[in-house]
N, C-alpha and C. Protein backbone atom coordinates (compact mmCIF):
# COMPACT_ATOMS: atom_id res chain seq x y z
N MET A 1 0.87 -1.22 -0.05
CA MET A 1 0.03 -0.02 0.04
C MET A 1 0.84 1.14 0.08
N HIS A 2 0.52 2.20 -0.77
CA HIS A 2 1.44 3.36 -0.82
C HIS A 2 1.54 3.88 0.39
N PRO A 3 2.60 4.52 0.93
CA PRO A 3 2.41 5.02 2.33
C PRO A 3 1.55 6.10 2.58
N LYS A 4 1.22 7.00 1.72
CA LYS A 4 0.33 8.20 1.54
C LYS A 4 -1.00 7.55 1.57
N ILE A 5 -1.49 6.57 0.75
CA ILE A 5 -2.60 6.03 0.84
C ILE A 5 -2.93 5.44 2.13
N ALA A 6 -2.20 4.73 2.74
CA ALA A 6 -2.31 4.02 3.93
C ALA A 6 -2.86 4.98 5.12
N THR A 7 -1.96 6.22 5.09
CA THR A 7 -2.31 7.24 6.05
C THR A 7 -3.31 8.18 5.76
N GLY A 8 -4.08 8.04 4.57
CA GLY A 8 -4.92 8.93 4.11
C GLY A 8 -4.49 10.19 3.35
N GLU A 9 -3.46 10.33 3.19
CA GLU A 9 -2.81 11.55 2.30
C GLU A 9 -2.77 11.01 0.84
N ARG A 10 -2.90 12.13 0.23
CA ARG A 10 -2.67 12.02 -1.14
C ARG A 10 -1.46 12.08 -1.72
N PRO A 11 -1.02 11.24 -2.62
CA PRO A 11 0.61 11.37 -3.11
C PRO A 11 0.56 12.59 -3.71
N GLU A 12 1.74 13.45 -3.73
CA GLU A 12 2.13 14.55 -4.31
C GLU A 12 3.05 14.43 -5.06
N GLN A 13 3.29 15.28 -6.28
CA GLN A 13 4.18 15.09 -7.29
C GLN A 13 5.36 15.98 -6.84
N ASP A 14 6.39 15.64 -6.93
CA ASP A 14 7.84 16.30 -6.62
C ASP A 14 7.77 17.24 -5.42
N GLN A 15 6.98 17.00 -4.67
CA GLN A 15 7.25 17.66 -3.18
C GLN A 15 7.53 16.65 -2.26
N SER A 16 7.76 15.43 -2.26
CA SER A 16 8.12 14.60 -1.15
C SER A 16 9.35 14.84 -0.34
N HIS A 17 10.28 15.63 -1.17
CA HIS A 17 11.56 15.85 -0.42
C HIS A 17 11.81 17.23 -0.23
N SER A 18 10.81 18.15 -0.36
CA SER A 18 10.94 19.50 -0.36
C SER A 18 10.87 20.18 1.10
N ILE A 19 10.09 19.32 2.02
CA ILE A 19 10.13 19.90 3.57
C ILE A 19 10.93 18.85 4.44
N ASN A 20 11.45 19.37 5.13
CA ASN A 20 12.24 18.95 6.28
C ASN A 20 11.64 19.09 7.63
N PHE A 21 11.83 17.97 8.38
CA PHE A 21 11.28 18.02 9.84
C PHE A 21 12.31 17.71 10.59
N SER A 22 12.50 18.33 11.76
CA SER A 22 13.38 18.18 12.92
C SER A 22 12.96 17.12 13.74
N ILE A 23 13.84 16.39 14.46
CA ILE A 23 13.25 15.20 15.30
C ILE A 23 11.97 15.80 16.45
N GLY A 24 12.33 16.98 16.98
CA GLY A 24 11.43 17.67 17.82
C GLY A 24 10.13 18.01 17.27
N ASP A 25 10.24 18.40 15.93
CA ASP A 25 8.90 18.73 15.11
C ASP A 25 8.10 17.34 15.09
N LEU A 26 8.63 16.46 14.74
CA LEU A 26 7.97 15.19 14.66
C LEU A 26 7.48 14.49 16.02
N ALA A 27 8.31 14.84 16.97
CA ALA A 27 7.90 14.36 18.41
C ALA A 27 6.67 15.05 18.81
N GLN A 28 6.72 16.13 18.57
CA GLN A 28 5.64 17.13 19.13
C GLN A 28 4.51 16.92 18.37
N GLU A 29 4.40 16.79 17.04
CA GLU A 29 3.25 16.47 16.28
C GLU A 29 2.64 15.19 16.54
N PHE A 30 3.47 14.19 16.64
CA PHE A 30 2.76 12.96 17.21
C PHE A 30 2.58 12.57 18.37
N GLY A 31 3.00 13.58 19.30
CA GLY A 31 2.74 13.26 20.84
C GLY A 31 3.81 11.92 21.40
N ILE A 32 4.93 11.97 20.92
CA ILE A 32 6.04 10.97 21.30
C ILE A 32 7.30 11.56 21.80
N THR A 33 8.07 10.91 22.21
CA THR A 33 9.43 11.30 22.66
C THR A 33 10.47 11.29 21.42
N THR A 34 11.31 12.19 21.58
CA THR A 34 12.50 11.98 20.54
C THR A 34 13.17 10.71 20.55
N ARG A 35 13.19 10.11 22.03
CA ARG A 35 14.07 8.70 22.19
C ARG A 35 13.24 7.59 21.29
N THR A 36 11.80 7.77 21.37
CA THR A 36 11.02 7.02 20.53
C THR A 36 11.23 6.74 19.06
N ILE A 37 11.58 8.05 18.34
CA ILE A 37 11.79 8.22 17.06
C ILE A 37 13.16 7.76 16.88
N ARG A 38 14.14 8.03 17.56
CA ARG A 38 15.40 7.56 17.48
C ARG A 38 15.58 5.94 17.40
N TYR A 39 14.62 5.31 18.32
CA TYR A 39 14.37 3.97 18.54
C TYR A 39 14.04 3.51 16.99
N TYR A 40 13.00 3.97 16.41
CA TYR A 40 12.40 3.52 15.40
C TYR A 40 13.57 3.69 14.19
N GLU A 41 14.33 4.77 14.28
CA GLU A 41 15.40 4.79 13.20
C GLU A 41 16.38 3.76 13.47
N GLN A 42 16.92 3.29 14.94
CA GLN A 42 17.71 2.35 14.95
C GLN A 42 17.07 0.83 14.44
N GLN A 43 15.79 0.81 14.54
CA GLN A 43 15.39 -0.35 14.16
C GLN A 43 15.33 -0.41 12.60
N GLY A 44 15.66 0.68 11.67
CA GLY A 44 15.64 0.71 10.33
C GLY A 44 14.19 1.00 9.70
N LEU A 45 13.65 1.61 10.62
CA LEU A 45 12.26 2.07 10.00
C LEU A 45 12.16 3.44 9.69
N LEU A 46 13.08 4.18 9.99
CA LEU A 46 13.21 5.61 9.63
C LEU A 46 14.70 5.93 9.36
N ASP A 47 14.78 6.69 8.17
CA ASP A 47 16.07 6.78 7.53
C ASP A 47 16.13 8.41 7.35
N PRO A 48 16.43 9.36 8.31
CA PRO A 48 16.73 10.72 8.04
C PRO A 48 17.98 11.03 7.50
N GLU A 49 17.94 12.28 6.77
CA GLU A 49 19.36 12.70 6.41
C GLU A 49 19.99 13.28 7.65
N ARG A 50 21.17 13.43 7.38
CA ARG A 50 21.81 14.09 8.45
C ARG A 50 22.97 15.30 7.91
N HIS A 51 22.74 16.37 8.95
CA HIS A 51 23.46 17.61 8.40
C HIS A 51 24.28 17.74 9.57
N GLY A 52 25.49 17.16 9.72
CA GLY A 52 26.22 17.16 11.16
C GLY A 52 25.52 16.22 11.88
N ILE A 53 25.27 16.60 13.04
CA ILE A 53 24.80 16.04 13.95
C ILE A 53 23.11 16.00 14.10
N GLN A 54 22.43 16.98 13.34
CA GLN A 54 21.30 17.11 13.05
C GLN A 54 20.39 16.12 12.33
N ARG A 55 19.42 15.38 12.48
CA ARG A 55 18.69 14.72 11.88
C ARG A 55 17.48 15.56 11.11
N LEU A 56 17.61 15.29 9.68
CA LEU A 56 16.36 16.04 9.08
C LEU A 56 15.50 15.11 8.40
N TYR A 57 14.26 15.07 8.81
CA TYR A 57 13.29 13.94 8.30
C TYR A 57 12.49 14.53 7.05
N GLN A 58 12.35 13.74 6.32
CA GLN A 58 11.63 14.30 4.98
C GLN A 58 10.28 13.83 5.07
N ARG A 59 9.27 14.15 4.17
CA ARG A 59 8.01 13.93 4.34
C ARG A 59 7.60 12.40 4.32
N ARG A 60 8.57 11.76 3.48
CA ARG A 60 8.53 10.24 3.40
C ARG A 60 8.89 9.76 4.89
N ASP A 61 9.53 10.38 5.77
CA ASP A 61 9.82 9.58 7.19
C ASP A 61 8.63 9.90 7.97
N LYS A 62 7.96 11.12 7.74
CA LYS A 62 6.80 11.71 8.40
C LYS A 62 5.84 10.46 8.20
N ILE A 63 5.45 10.09 6.94
CA ILE A 63 4.31 9.15 6.53
C ILE A 63 4.81 7.69 7.32
N ARG A 64 6.03 7.45 7.34
CA ARG A 64 6.37 6.11 7.68
C ARG A 64 5.91 6.19 9.15
N LEU A 65 6.36 7.36 9.94
CA LEU A 65 6.11 7.55 11.28
C LEU A 65 4.74 7.11 11.82
N LYS A 66 3.84 7.96 10.92
CA LYS A 66 2.48 7.72 10.96
C LYS A 66 2.15 6.31 10.67
N LEU A 67 2.62 5.69 9.93
CA LEU A 67 2.26 4.12 9.87
C LEU A 67 2.63 3.41 10.78
N ILE A 68 3.66 3.69 11.32
CA ILE A 68 4.58 2.83 12.35
C ILE A 68 3.47 3.10 13.72
N LEU A 69 3.05 4.35 14.17
CA LEU A 69 2.23 4.47 15.17
C LEU A 69 1.05 3.89 14.99
N ARG A 70 0.26 3.85 13.77
CA ARG A 70 -0.97 3.31 13.46
C ARG A 70 -0.85 1.85 13.58
N GLY A 71 0.13 1.10 13.16
CA GLY A 71 0.61 -0.04 13.27
C GLY A 71 0.52 -0.47 14.83
N LYS A 72 1.27 0.12 15.47
CA LYS A 72 1.39 0.01 16.97
C LYS A 72 -0.07 0.04 17.82
N ARG A 73 -0.83 1.10 17.36
CA ARG A 73 -1.92 1.06 17.76
C ARG A 73 -3.07 -0.03 17.69
N LEU A 74 -2.84 -0.64 16.26
CA LEU A 74 -3.52 -1.63 15.90
C LEU A 74 -2.88 -3.11 16.55
N GLY A 75 -1.75 -2.89 17.13
CA GLY A 75 -1.25 -4.28 17.69
C GLY A 75 -0.48 -4.89 17.09
N PHE A 76 0.21 -4.42 15.81
CA PHE A 76 1.25 -5.01 15.27
C PHE A 76 2.67 -5.01 15.83
N SER A 77 3.43 -5.96 15.85
CA SER A 77 4.61 -5.85 15.97
C SER A 77 5.54 -4.98 15.39
N LEU A 78 6.75 -4.31 15.71
CA LEU A 78 7.71 -3.47 14.89
C LEU A 78 8.09 -4.39 13.44
N VAL A 79 8.26 -5.91 13.69
CA VAL A 79 8.85 -6.47 12.82
C VAL A 79 7.81 -6.58 11.69
N GLU A 80 6.48 -6.67 11.94
CA GLU A 80 5.21 -6.82 10.97
C GLU A 80 5.10 -5.42 10.26
N ILE A 81 5.20 -4.36 11.09
CA ILE A 81 5.32 -3.11 10.43
C ILE A 81 6.44 -2.87 9.45
N ALA A 82 7.56 -3.26 9.85
CA ALA A 82 8.61 -3.16 9.07
C ALA A 82 8.33 -3.95 7.59
N GLU A 83 8.03 -5.27 7.90
CA GLU A 83 7.66 -6.10 6.34
C GLU A 83 6.57 -5.25 5.78
N MET A 84 5.43 -4.51 6.30
CA MET A 84 4.46 -4.00 5.51
C MET A 84 5.20 -2.72 4.77
N ILE A 85 5.77 -2.18 5.53
CA ILE A 85 6.66 -0.82 4.85
C ILE A 85 7.39 -1.52 3.72
N ALA A 86 8.22 -2.31 3.98
CA ALA A 86 8.98 -2.97 3.06
C ALA A 86 8.58 -3.50 1.90
N MET A 87 7.40 -3.89 1.84
CA MET A 87 6.53 -4.69 0.81
C MET A 87 6.37 -3.65 -0.21
N TYR A 88 6.19 -2.48 0.01
CA TYR A 88 5.82 -1.24 -0.84
C TYR A 88 6.92 -1.37 -1.92
N ASP A 89 8.40 -1.38 -1.46
CA ASP A 89 9.48 -1.32 -2.14
C ASP A 89 9.86 -2.80 -2.92
N ALA A 90 9.18 -3.58 -2.55
CA ALA A 90 9.41 -5.02 -3.04
C ALA A 90 8.79 -4.93 -4.47
N GLU A 91 9.15 -6.18 -5.21
CA GLU A 91 8.59 -6.25 -6.60
C GLU A 91 7.16 -6.41 -6.65
N SER A 92 6.71 -7.00 -5.79
CA SER A 92 5.09 -7.01 -5.72
C SER A 92 4.26 -5.86 -5.38
N GLY A 93 5.32 -4.90 -4.87
CA GLY A 93 4.64 -3.45 -4.69
C GLY A 93 3.35 -3.34 -3.99
N GLU A 94 2.45 -2.37 -4.35
CA GLU A 94 1.35 -2.45 -3.66
C GLU A 94 0.41 -3.42 -3.66
N ILE A 95 0.23 -4.21 -4.59
CA ILE A 95 -0.51 -5.44 -4.40
C ILE A 95 -0.08 -6.32 -3.25
N GLY A 96 1.13 -6.78 -3.57
CA GLY A 96 1.71 -7.44 -2.36
C GLY A 96 1.66 -6.94 -0.98
N GLN A 97 1.89 -5.73 -0.84
CA GLN A 97 1.75 -5.09 0.49
C GLN A 97 0.19 -5.11 0.83
N LEU A 98 -0.77 -5.15 0.01
CA LEU A 98 -2.19 -5.12 0.37
C LEU A 98 -2.59 -6.54 0.82
N HIS A 99 -1.95 -7.39 0.04
CA HIS A 99 -2.26 -8.84 0.30
C HIS A 99 -1.63 -9.16 1.64
N TYR A 100 -0.36 -8.85 2.15
CA TYR A 100 0.34 -9.11 3.55
C TYR A 100 -0.51 -8.52 4.38
N PHE A 101 -0.75 -7.09 4.23
CA PHE A 101 -1.68 -6.26 5.08
C PHE A 101 -2.85 -7.25 5.57
N LEU A 102 -3.75 -7.68 4.40
CA LEU A 102 -4.86 -8.13 4.83
C LEU A 102 -4.93 -9.45 5.56
N GLU A 103 -3.78 -10.12 5.39
CA GLU A 103 -3.20 -11.44 6.19
C GLU A 103 -2.99 -11.07 7.69
N ARG A 104 -2.20 -10.01 7.70
CA ARG A 104 -1.91 -9.63 9.19
C ARG A 104 -3.15 -9.03 9.88
N ILE A 105 -4.03 -8.23 9.16
CA ILE A 105 -5.39 -7.82 9.91
C ILE A 105 -6.16 -9.13 10.28
N ASP A 106 -6.09 -9.96 9.36
CA ASP A 106 -6.87 -11.22 9.71
C ASP A 106 -6.40 -11.83 10.88
N ASP A 107 -5.13 -12.02 10.95
CA ASP A 107 -4.39 -12.71 12.11
C ASP A 107 -4.67 -12.19 13.39
N ARG A 108 -4.59 -10.65 13.24
CA ARG A 108 -4.73 -9.67 14.49
C ARG A 108 -6.34 -9.83 15.04
N LYS A 109 -7.18 -9.88 14.00
CA LYS A 109 -8.53 -9.85 14.41
C LYS A 109 -8.93 -11.47 15.29
N GLN A 110 -8.16 -12.48 14.63
CA GLN A 110 -8.41 -13.64 15.28
C GLN A 110 -7.94 -13.75 16.59
N ARG A 111 -6.74 -13.24 16.82
CA ARG A 111 -6.16 -13.01 18.10
C ARG A 111 -6.94 -12.29 19.05
N LEU A 112 -7.68 -11.01 18.67
CA LEU A 112 -8.35 -10.38 19.33
C LEU A 112 -9.72 -10.90 19.90
N ILE A 113 -10.45 -11.76 18.78
CA ILE A 113 -11.58 -12.29 19.07
C ILE A 113 -11.25 -13.39 20.20
N GLN A 114 -10.24 -14.20 19.99
CA GLN A 114 -9.75 -15.16 21.04
C GLN A 114 -9.44 -14.38 22.50
N GLN A 115 -8.79 -13.34 22.42
CA GLN A 115 -8.65 -12.62 23.54
C GLN A 115 -10.12 -12.15 24.21
N SER A 116 -10.79 -11.61 23.60
CA SER A 116 -12.21 -11.25 24.07
C SER A 116 -13.12 -12.56 24.52
N HIS A 117 -12.97 -13.66 23.80
CA HIS A 117 -13.63 -14.90 24.50
C HIS A 117 -12.92 -15.19 25.83
N ASP A 118 -11.45 -15.13 25.88
CA ASP A 118 -10.95 -15.36 27.06
C ASP A 118 -11.34 -14.60 28.26
N ILE A 119 -11.24 -13.21 27.71
CA ILE A 119 -11.71 -12.35 28.91
C ILE A 119 -13.21 -12.32 29.30
N GLU A 120 -14.24 -12.85 28.43
CA GLU A 120 -15.46 -13.00 28.83
C GLU A 120 -15.61 -14.28 29.76
N GLN A 121 -14.96 -15.36 29.52
CA GLN A 121 -14.69 -16.69 30.40
C GLN A 121 -14.14 -16.21 31.77
N THR A 122 -13.08 -15.42 31.62
CA THR A 122 -12.60 -14.96 32.80
C THR A 122 -13.36 -14.21 33.92
N LEU A 123 -14.19 -13.15 33.18
CA LEU A 123 -14.88 -12.47 33.95
C LEU A 123 -16.28 -13.06 34.51
N ALA A 124 -16.74 -14.02 33.78
CA ALA A 124 -17.81 -14.98 34.33
C ALA A 124 -17.12 -15.94 35.31
N ALA A 125 -15.87 -16.36 35.28
CA ALA A 125 -15.53 -17.11 36.49
C ALA A 125 -15.10 -16.34 37.66
N LEU A 126 -14.86 -14.85 37.53
CA LEU A 126 -14.69 -14.00 38.68
C LEU A 126 -16.05 -13.66 39.25
N SER A 127 -16.92 -13.46 38.48
CA SER A 127 -18.35 -13.25 38.84
C SER A 127 -18.76 -14.35 39.89
N ARG A 128 -18.52 -15.74 39.25
CA ARG A 128 -18.90 -16.89 40.06
C ARG A 128 -18.37 -16.91 41.46
N ILE A 129 -17.10 -16.75 41.47
CA ILE A 129 -16.24 -16.69 42.75
C ILE A 129 -16.53 -15.57 43.59
N GLU A 130 -16.97 -14.35 43.02
CA GLU A 130 -17.32 -13.32 43.97
C GLU A 130 -18.80 -13.65 44.50
N GLN A 131 -19.56 -14.14 43.86
CA GLN A 131 -20.82 -14.62 44.26
C GLN A 131 -20.68 -15.39 45.62
N GLY A 132 -19.85 -16.68 45.19
CA GLY A 132 -19.80 -17.53 46.33
C GLY A 132 -19.07 -16.95 47.51
N CYS A 133 -17.94 -16.02 47.45
CA CYS A 133 -17.45 -15.49 48.70
C CYS A 133 -18.64 -14.40 49.47
N ARG A 134 -19.47 -13.75 48.32
CA ARG A 134 -20.50 -12.92 49.22
C ARG A 134 -21.41 -13.79 50.01
N GLU A 135 -21.83 -14.80 49.51
CA GLU A 135 -22.68 -15.81 50.05
C GLU A 135 -22.14 -16.34 51.32
N GLN A 136 -20.77 -16.78 51.27
CA GLN A 136 -20.03 -17.25 52.31
C GLN A 136 -19.97 -16.28 53.42
N LEU A 137 -19.63 -14.92 52.95
CA LEU A 137 -19.50 -13.99 54.13
C LEU A 137 -20.81 -13.62 54.63
N ALA A 138 -21.92 -13.59 53.80
CA ALA A 138 -23.09 -13.30 54.78
C ALA A 138 -23.46 -14.46 55.58
N VAL A 139 -23.13 -15.71 55.36
CA VAL A 139 -23.43 -16.69 56.21
C VAL A 139 -22.54 -16.62 57.47
N LEU A 140 -21.03 -16.41 57.42
CA LEU A 140 -20.30 -16.12 58.54
C LEU A 140 -20.67 -14.73 59.59
N GLU A 141 -21.11 -13.83 58.60
CA GLU A 141 -21.38 -12.68 59.63
C GLU A 141 -22.96 -12.94 60.39
N GLN A 142 -23.75 -13.69 59.53
CA GLN A 142 -24.95 -13.85 60.39
C GLN A 142 -24.61 -14.90 61.58
N HIS A 143 -23.57 -15.98 61.39
CA HIS A 143 -23.19 -16.68 62.36
C HIS A 143 -22.46 -15.97 63.70
N SER A 144 -21.87 -14.87 63.38
CA SER A 144 -21.01 -14.01 64.14
C SER A 144 -22.02 -13.32 65.21
N ARG A 145 -23.22 -13.16 64.56
CA ARG A 145 -24.24 -12.15 65.24
C ARG A 145 -25.17 -13.07 66.27
N ASP A 146 -25.30 -14.27 65.71
CA ASP A 146 -25.85 -15.22 66.62
C ASP A 146 -25.20 -15.72 67.80
């Protein structure tokens, strides 16, 4: 999936490298720390230009960061996110990326459905135990009054 399409932005002609962002700009815009951005860079997910010690992020990096954060919110691992981003550059391009993304979505949905089922069972068990405790407490309190 084209990174701009995935984020809801429209691809623009010849403007993708005209705007630079500092690490602080991106951190503030996305509400994350500069350390987080540097971590994503260390993981190979972002590749800013360097001018001396200053990092300059392009529009492409900003879009990738948006994809990374969206992927994290959806519960994908950084490895899965990196694979999805890399699919765009692969020979299969956007079609391959979309197929891969749909598979990951299906996997994630299945895990969430299972977790939801597990949570429902746990809540039901806790409710039964709670009810038993309340009944036993009522009996004990009644006996202590007698």
